[in-house]
Amino acid sequence: MKNFHFECGLWLTRPRKGVFEFFADALNLEEITPSWLKFRVVTPKPIYMHRGTEIEYRLRIRGIPVRWQSRITVWDPPHRFVDEQIRGPYRVWIHEHRFTEQAGGTLCEDSVQYAPFGGALINKLLVERDIRKIFAYRSERLQEYFQEVREELSARNDGEVVAASDAAHPAA
């Protein structure tokens, strides 16, 4: 079985604490996943994130209904966390999320090790392209979301922007 690797990064203009808090809410994953996946978190709410938390999702991959279950295997707020698939559409899916303070904002980095059923051929024909599209969409949504938060905070404070952790965090 061959594992593949995908990495990407995105710099956001918000402090690390607020960015990490957004990712720590598993329900926000619905907001940053393309609608064509029909992605839904089905684990009962509230979901308290920590090492060992298991989260179940339902989605559609190319129209096929899929159940996906992941476990948080590393929980190191506000620096990083890792989720690993324990049931789902891949032989292996290990996704590390890293958050680094950089240039007055936060560098969000994703590193995914994965092995699709069907191996290299299915990866080349379908999976690699889908993963790139999903993470590109995610980057766009995150930029939009954190820009909206910045504008809302600015409006609340007469143009003075405060840290997201110092103000009420709007629902995603």
C-alpha atoms as a PDB file:
ATOM      1  CA  MET A   1       0.000   0.000   0.000  1.00  0.00           C
ATOM      2  CA  LYS A   2       1.446   3.333  -1.074  1.00  0.00           C
ATOM      3  CA  ASN A   3       0.804   6.436   1.024  1.00  0.00           C
ATOM      4  CA  PHE A   4       0.519   9.845  -0.598  1.00  0.00           C
ATOM      5  CA  HIS A   5       1.172  13.235   0.941  1.00  0.00           C
ATOM      6  CA  PHE A   6      -0.578  16.564   0.516  1.00  0.00           C
ATOM      7  CA  GLU A   7       0.494  19.848   2.112  1.00  0.00           C
ATOM      8  CA  CYS A   8      -0.834  23.365   1.957  1.00  0.00           C
ATOM      9  CA  GLY A   9      -0.708  26.546   3.973  1.00  0.00           C
ATOM     10  CA  LEU A  10      -2.705  29.711   4.445  1.00  0.00           C
ATOM     11  CA  TRP A  11      -1.835  32.898   6.292  1.00  0.00           C
ATOM     12  CA  LEU A  12      -4.721  34.596   8.091  1.00  0.00           C
ATOM     13  CA  THR A  13      -4.758  38.092   9.583  1.00  0.00           C
ATOM     14  CA  ARG A  14      -6.087  36.875  12.945  1.00  0.00           C
ATOM     15  CA  PRO A  15      -4.298  35.895  16.153  1.00  0.00           C
ATOM     16  CA  ARG A  16      -3.491  32.203  16.567  1.00  0.00           C
ATOM     17  CA  LYS A  17      -5.784  31.747  19.580  1.00  0.00           C
ATOM     18  CA  GLY A  18      -8.885  32.817  17.632  1.00  0.00           C
ATOM     19  CA  VAL A  19      -7.954  30.785  14.559  1.00  0.00           C
ATOM     20  CA  PHE A  20      -7.341  27.688  16.659  1.00  0.00           C
ATOM     21  CA  GLU A  21     -10.680  28.198  18.454  1.00  0.00           C
ATOM     22  CA  PHE A  22     -12.435  28.194  15.077  1.00  0.00           C
ATOM     23  CA  PHE A  23     -10.836  24.861  14.157  1.00  0.00           C
ATOM     24  CA  ALA A  24     -11.500  23.452  17.640  1.00  0.00           C
ATOM     25  CA  ASP A  25     -15.233  23.633  16.909  1.00  0.00           C
ATOM     26  CA  ALA A  26     -15.838  20.508  14.797  1.00  0.00           C
ATOM     27  CA  LEU A  27     -19.093  21.972  13.456  1.00  0.00           C
ATOM     28  CA  ASN A  28     -17.132  24.667  11.616  1.00  0.00           C
ATOM     29  CA  LEU A  29     -15.859  21.953   9.290  1.00  0.00           C
ATOM     30  CA  GLU A  30     -19.286  22.037   7.619  1.00  0.00           C
ATOM     31  CA  GLU A  31     -18.724  25.737   6.833  1.00  0.00           C
ATOM     32  CA  ILE A  32     -15.392  25.213   5.083  1.00  0.00           C
ATOM     33  CA  THR A  33     -16.210  22.050   3.105  1.00  0.00           C
ATOM     34  CA  PRO A  34     -17.568  22.345  -0.465  1.00  0.00           C
ATOM     35  CA  SER A  35     -21.340  21.915  -0.755  1.00  0.00           C
ATOM     36  CA  TRP A  36     -20.925  19.267  -3.474  1.00  0.00           C
ATOM     37  CA  LEU A  37     -19.675  16.896  -0.749  1.00  0.00           C
ATOM     38  CA  LYS A  38     -22.919  17.315   1.255  1.00  0.00           C
ATOM     39  CA  PHE A  39     -20.752  17.043   4.371  1.00  0.00           C
ATOM     40  CA  ARG A  40     -22.448  16.846   7.789  1.00  0.00           C
ATOM     41  CA  VAL A  41     -21.154  16.255  11.301  1.00  0.00           C
ATOM     42  CA  VAL A  42     -23.450  13.630  12.861  1.00  0.00           C
ATOM     43  CA  THR A  43     -21.823  13.291  16.278  1.00  0.00           C
ATOM     44  CA  PRO A  44     -24.217  14.676  18.917  1.00  0.00           C
ATOM     45  CA  LYS A  45     -23.456  18.200  20.076  1.00  0.00           C
ATOM     46  CA  PRO A  46     -21.660  19.611  21.960  1.00  0.00           C
ATOM     47  CA  ILE A  47     -18.397  18.038  20.841  1.00  0.00           C
ATOM     48  CA  TYR A  48     -15.592  18.583  23.347  1.00  0.00           C
ATOM     49  CA  MET A  49     -12.276  18.377  21.559  1.00  0.00           C
ATOM     50  CA  HIS A  50      -9.379  16.604  23.263  1.00  0.00           C
ATOM     51  CA  ARG A  51      -7.060  13.697  22.595  1.00  0.00           C
ATOM     52  CA  GLY A  52      -9.301  10.690  21.995  1.00  0.00           C
ATOM     53  CA  THR A  53     -12.398  12.578  20.799  1.00  0.00           C
ATOM     54  CA  GLU A  54     -14.165  10.649  18.042  1.00  0.00           C
ATOM     55  CA  ILE A  55     -16.260  12.473  15.459  1.00  0.00           C
ATOM     56  CA  GLU A  56     -18.571  10.958  12.876  1.00  0.00           C
ATOM     57  CA  TYR A  57     -19.463  12.556   9.558  1.00  0.00           C
ATOM     58  CA  ARG A  58     -21.613  11.787   6.551  1.00  0.00           C
ATOM     59  CA  LEU A  59     -20.768  13.000   3.080  1.00  0.00           C
ATOM     60  CA  ARG A  60     -21.010  12.098  -0.577  1.00  0.00           C
ATOM     61  CA  ILE A  61     -17.964  11.391  -2.693  1.00  0.00           C
ATOM     62  CA  ARG A  62     -18.850  11.565  -6.382  1.00  0.00           C
ATOM     63  CA  GLY A  63     -22.466  10.986  -5.363  1.00  0.00           C
ATOM     64  CA  ILE A  64     -21.740   7.902  -3.252  1.00  0.00           C
ATOM     65  CA  PRO A  65     -22.865   8.165   0.411  1.00  0.00           C
ATOM     66  CA  VAL A  66     -19.968   7.687   2.821  1.00  0.00           C
ATOM     67  CA  ARG A  67     -19.677   7.505   6.599  1.00  0.00           C
ATOM     68  CA  TRP A  68     -16.417   8.777   8.031  1.00  0.00           C
ATOM     69  CA  GLN A  69     -15.214   8.551  11.599  1.00  0.00           C
ATOM     70  CA  SER A  70     -12.085  10.224  12.904  1.00  0.00           C
ATOM     71  CA  ARG A  71     -10.240  10.354  16.198  1.00  0.00           C
ATOM     72  CA  ILE A  72      -8.197  13.230  17.556  1.00  0.00           C
ATOM     73  CA  THR A  73      -4.814  11.627  18.266  1.00  0.00           C
ATOM     74  CA  VAL A  74      -2.862  14.786  19.125  1.00  0.00           C
ATOM     75  CA  TRP A  75      -4.383  17.813  20.865  1.00  0.00           C
ATOM     76  CA  ASP A  76      -1.928  20.650  21.559  1.00  0.00           C
ATOM     77  CA  PRO A  77      -3.832  23.976  21.676  1.00  0.00           C
ATOM     78  CA  PRO A  78      -3.194  26.462  20.171  1.00  0.00           C
ATOM     79  CA  HIS A  79      -0.294  24.936  18.229  1.00  0.00           C
ATOM     80  CA  ARG A  80      -1.604  21.840  16.484  1.00  0.00           C
ATOM     81  CA  PHE A  81      -3.879  18.854  16.402  1.00  0.00           C
ATOM     82  CA  VAL A  82      -4.071  15.633  14.420  1.00  0.00           C
ATOM     83  CA  ASP A  83      -7.144  13.742  13.291  1.00  0.00           C
ATOM     84  CA  GLU A  84      -6.940  10.190  11.989  1.00  0.00           C
ATOM     85  CA  GLN A  85      -9.615   8.298  10.117  1.00  0.00           C
ATOM     86  CA  ILE A  86     -10.739   5.191  11.985  1.00  0.00           C
ATOM     87  CA  ARG A  87     -13.488   4.354   9.483  1.00  0.00           C
ATOM     88  CA  GLY A  88     -14.083   5.858   6.071  1.00  0.00           C
ATOM     89  CA  PRO A  89     -13.171   6.112   2.406  1.00  0.00           C
ATOM     90  CA  TYR A  90      -9.375   5.752   2.766  1.00  0.00           C
ATOM     91  CA  ARG A  91      -7.035   2.993   3.881  1.00  0.00           C
ATOM     92  CA  VAL A  92      -5.097   5.713   5.711  1.00  0.00           C
ATOM     93  CA  TRP A  93      -5.969   9.358   6.461  1.00  0.00           C
ATOM     94  CA  ILE A  94      -3.816  11.261   8.948  1.00  0.00           C
ATOM     95  CA  HIS A  95      -4.340  15.024   8.927  1.00  0.00           C
ATOM     96  CA  GLU A  96      -2.098  17.326  10.950  1.00  0.00           C
ATOM     97  CA  HIS A  97      -3.220  20.939  11.455  1.00  0.00           C
ATOM     98  CA  ARG A  98      -0.470  23.377  12.572  1.00  0.00           C
ATOM     99  CA  PHE A  99      -0.922  26.992  13.672  1.00  0.00           C
ATOM    100  CA  THR A 100       2.074  29.316  13.888  1.00  0.00           C
ATOM    101  CA  GLU A 101       2.141  32.992  14.830  1.00  0.00           C
ATOM    102  CA  GLN A 102       3.694  34.812  11.900  1.00  0.00           C
ATOM    103  CA  ALA A 103       3.852  38.427  10.756  1.00  0.00           C
ATOM    104  CA  GLY A 104       1.039  39.574  13.052  1.00  0.00           C
ATOM    105  CA  GLY A 105      -1.294  36.792  11.977  1.00  0.00           C
ATOM    106  CA  THR A 106      -1.451  33.015  11.861  1.00  0.00           C
ATOM    107  CA  LEU A 107       0.059  30.579   9.408  1.00  0.00           C
ATOM    108  CA  CYS A 108      -2.282  27.563   9.140  1.00  0.00           C
ATOM    109  CA  GLU A 109      -0.591  24.509   7.670  1.00  0.00           C
ATOM    110  CA  ASP A 110      -2.179  21.208   6.728  1.00  0.00           C
ATOM    111  CA  SER A 111      -0.245  18.018   6.199  1.00  0.00           C
ATOM    112  CA  VAL A 112      -2.222  14.970   5.069  1.00  0.00           C
ATOM    113  CA  GLN A 113      -0.874  11.452   4.690  1.00  0.00           C
ATOM    114  CA  TYR A 114      -3.408   9.300   2.870  1.00  0.00           C
ATOM    115  CA  ALA A 115      -3.822   6.035   1.004  1.00  0.00           C
ATOM    116  CA  PRO A 116      -6.914   5.675  -1.180  1.00  0.00           C
ATOM    117  CA  PHE A 117      -8.497   2.354  -1.989  1.00  0.00           C
ATOM    118  CA  GLY A 118      -7.419   1.635  -5.553  1.00  0.00           C
ATOM    119  CA  GLY A 119      -3.875   2.911  -4.994  1.00  0.00           C
ATOM    120  CA  ALA A 120      -1.856   5.137  -7.298  1.00  0.00           C
ATOM    121  CA  LEU A 121      -4.185   4.900 -10.292  1.00  0.00           C
ATOM    122  CA  ILE A 122      -7.284   6.038  -8.379  1.00  0.00           C
ATOM    123  CA  ASN A 123      -5.211   8.709  -6.656  1.00  0.00           C
ATOM    124  CA  LYS A 124      -3.977  10.096  -9.967  1.00  0.00           C
ATOM    125  CA  LEU A 125      -7.351   9.909 -11.723  1.00  0.00           C
ATOM    126  CA  LEU A 126      -9.631  11.132  -8.922  1.00  0.00           C
ATOM    127  CA  VAL A 127      -8.430  11.559  -5.370  1.00  0.00           C
ATOM    128  CA  GLU A 128      -5.464  13.916  -5.735  1.00  0.00           C
ATOM    129  CA  ARG A 129      -7.522  16.361  -7.811  1.00  0.00           C
ATOM    130  CA  ASP A 130     -10.452  16.216  -5.361  1.00  0.00           C
ATOM    131  CA  ILE A 131      -8.193  16.856  -2.366  1.00  0.00           C
ATOM    132  CA  ARG A 132      -6.653  19.895  -4.083  1.00  0.00           C
ATOM    133  CA  LYS A 133     -10.125  21.269  -4.907  1.00  0.00           C
ATOM    134  CA  ILE A 134     -11.389  20.684  -1.362  1.00  0.00           C
ATOM    135  CA  PHE A 135      -8.432  22.445   0.252  1.00  0.00           C
ATOM    136  CA  ALA A 136      -8.563  25.329  -2.269  1.00  0.00           C
ATOM    137  CA  TYR A 137     -12.225  25.839  -1.385  1.00  0.00           C
ATOM    138  CA  ARG A 138     -11.373  25.626   2.300  1.00  0.00           C
ATOM    139  CA  SER A 139      -8.715  28.331   1.910  1.00  0.00           C
ATOM    140  CA  GLU A 140     -11.193  30.640   0.158  1.00  0.00           C
ATOM    141  CA  ARG A 141     -13.845  30.128   2.845  1.00  0.00           C
ATOM    142  CA  LEU A 142     -11.356  30.690   5.668  1.00  0.00           C
ATOM    143  CA  GLN A 143     -10.142  33.929   4.091  1.00  0.00           C
ATOM    144  CA  GLU A 144     -13.741  35.092   3.652  1.00  0.00           C
ATOM    145  CA  TYR A 145     -14.743  34.081   7.175  1.00  0.00           C
ATOM    146  CA  PHE A 146     -11.815  35.744   8.906  1.00  0.00           C
ATOM    147  CA  GLN A 147     -12.192  38.880   6.755  1.00  0.00           C
ATOM    148  CA  GLU A 148     -15.867  39.047   7.820  1.00  0.00           C
ATOM    149  CA  VAL A 149     -14.833  38.648  11.472  1.00  0.00           C
ATOM    150  CA  ARG A 150     -12.268  41.440  11.036  1.00  0.00           C
ATOM    151  CA  GLU A 151     -14.845  43.769   9.447  1.00  0.00           C
ATOM    152  CA  GLU A 152     -17.435  42.988  12.139  1.00  0.00           C
ATOM    153  CA  LEU A 153     -14.941  43.616  14.937  1.00  0.00           C
ATOM    154  CA  SER A 154     -13.832  46.830  13.269  1.00  0.00           C
ATOM    155  CA  ALA A 155     -17.440  48.041  12.999  1.00  0.00           C
ATOM    156  CA  ARG A 156     -18.120  47.177  16.661  1.00  0.00           C
ATOM    157  CA  ASN A 157     -15.077  49.149  17.764  1.00  0.00           C
ATOM    158  CA  ASP A 158     -15.392  52.246  15.564  1.00  0.00           C
ATOM    159  CA  GLY A 159     -12.635  51.120  13.228  1.00  0.00           C
ATOM    160  CA  GLU A 160     -10.289  49.834  15.925  1.00  0.00           C
ATOM    161  CA  VAL A 161      -9.660  46.117  15.430  1.00  0.00           C
ATOM    162  CA  VAL A 162      -9.285  44.026  18.581  1.00  0.00           C
ATOM    163  CA  ALA A 163      -8.142  40.426  18.945  1.00  0.00           C
ATOM    164  CA  ALA A 164     -10.862  37.873  18.175  1.00  0.00           C
ATOM    165  CA  SER A 165     -10.339  36.360  21.626  1.00  0.00           C
ATOM    166  CA  ASP A 166     -11.238  39.730  23.176  1.00  0.00           C
ATOM    167  CA  ALA A 167     -14.594  39.977  21.407  1.00  0.00           C
ATOM    168  CA  ALA A 168     -17.583  37.733  20.969  1.00  0.00           C
ATOM    169  CA  HIS A 169     -16.808  35.195  18.268  1.00  0.00           C
ATOM    170  CA  PRO A 170     -19.651  35.140  15.707  1.00  0.00           C
ATOM    171  CA  ALA A 171     -21.161  31.783  14.827  1.00  0.00           C
ATOM    172  CA  ALA A 172     -19.851  30.229  11.634  1.00  0.00           C
END
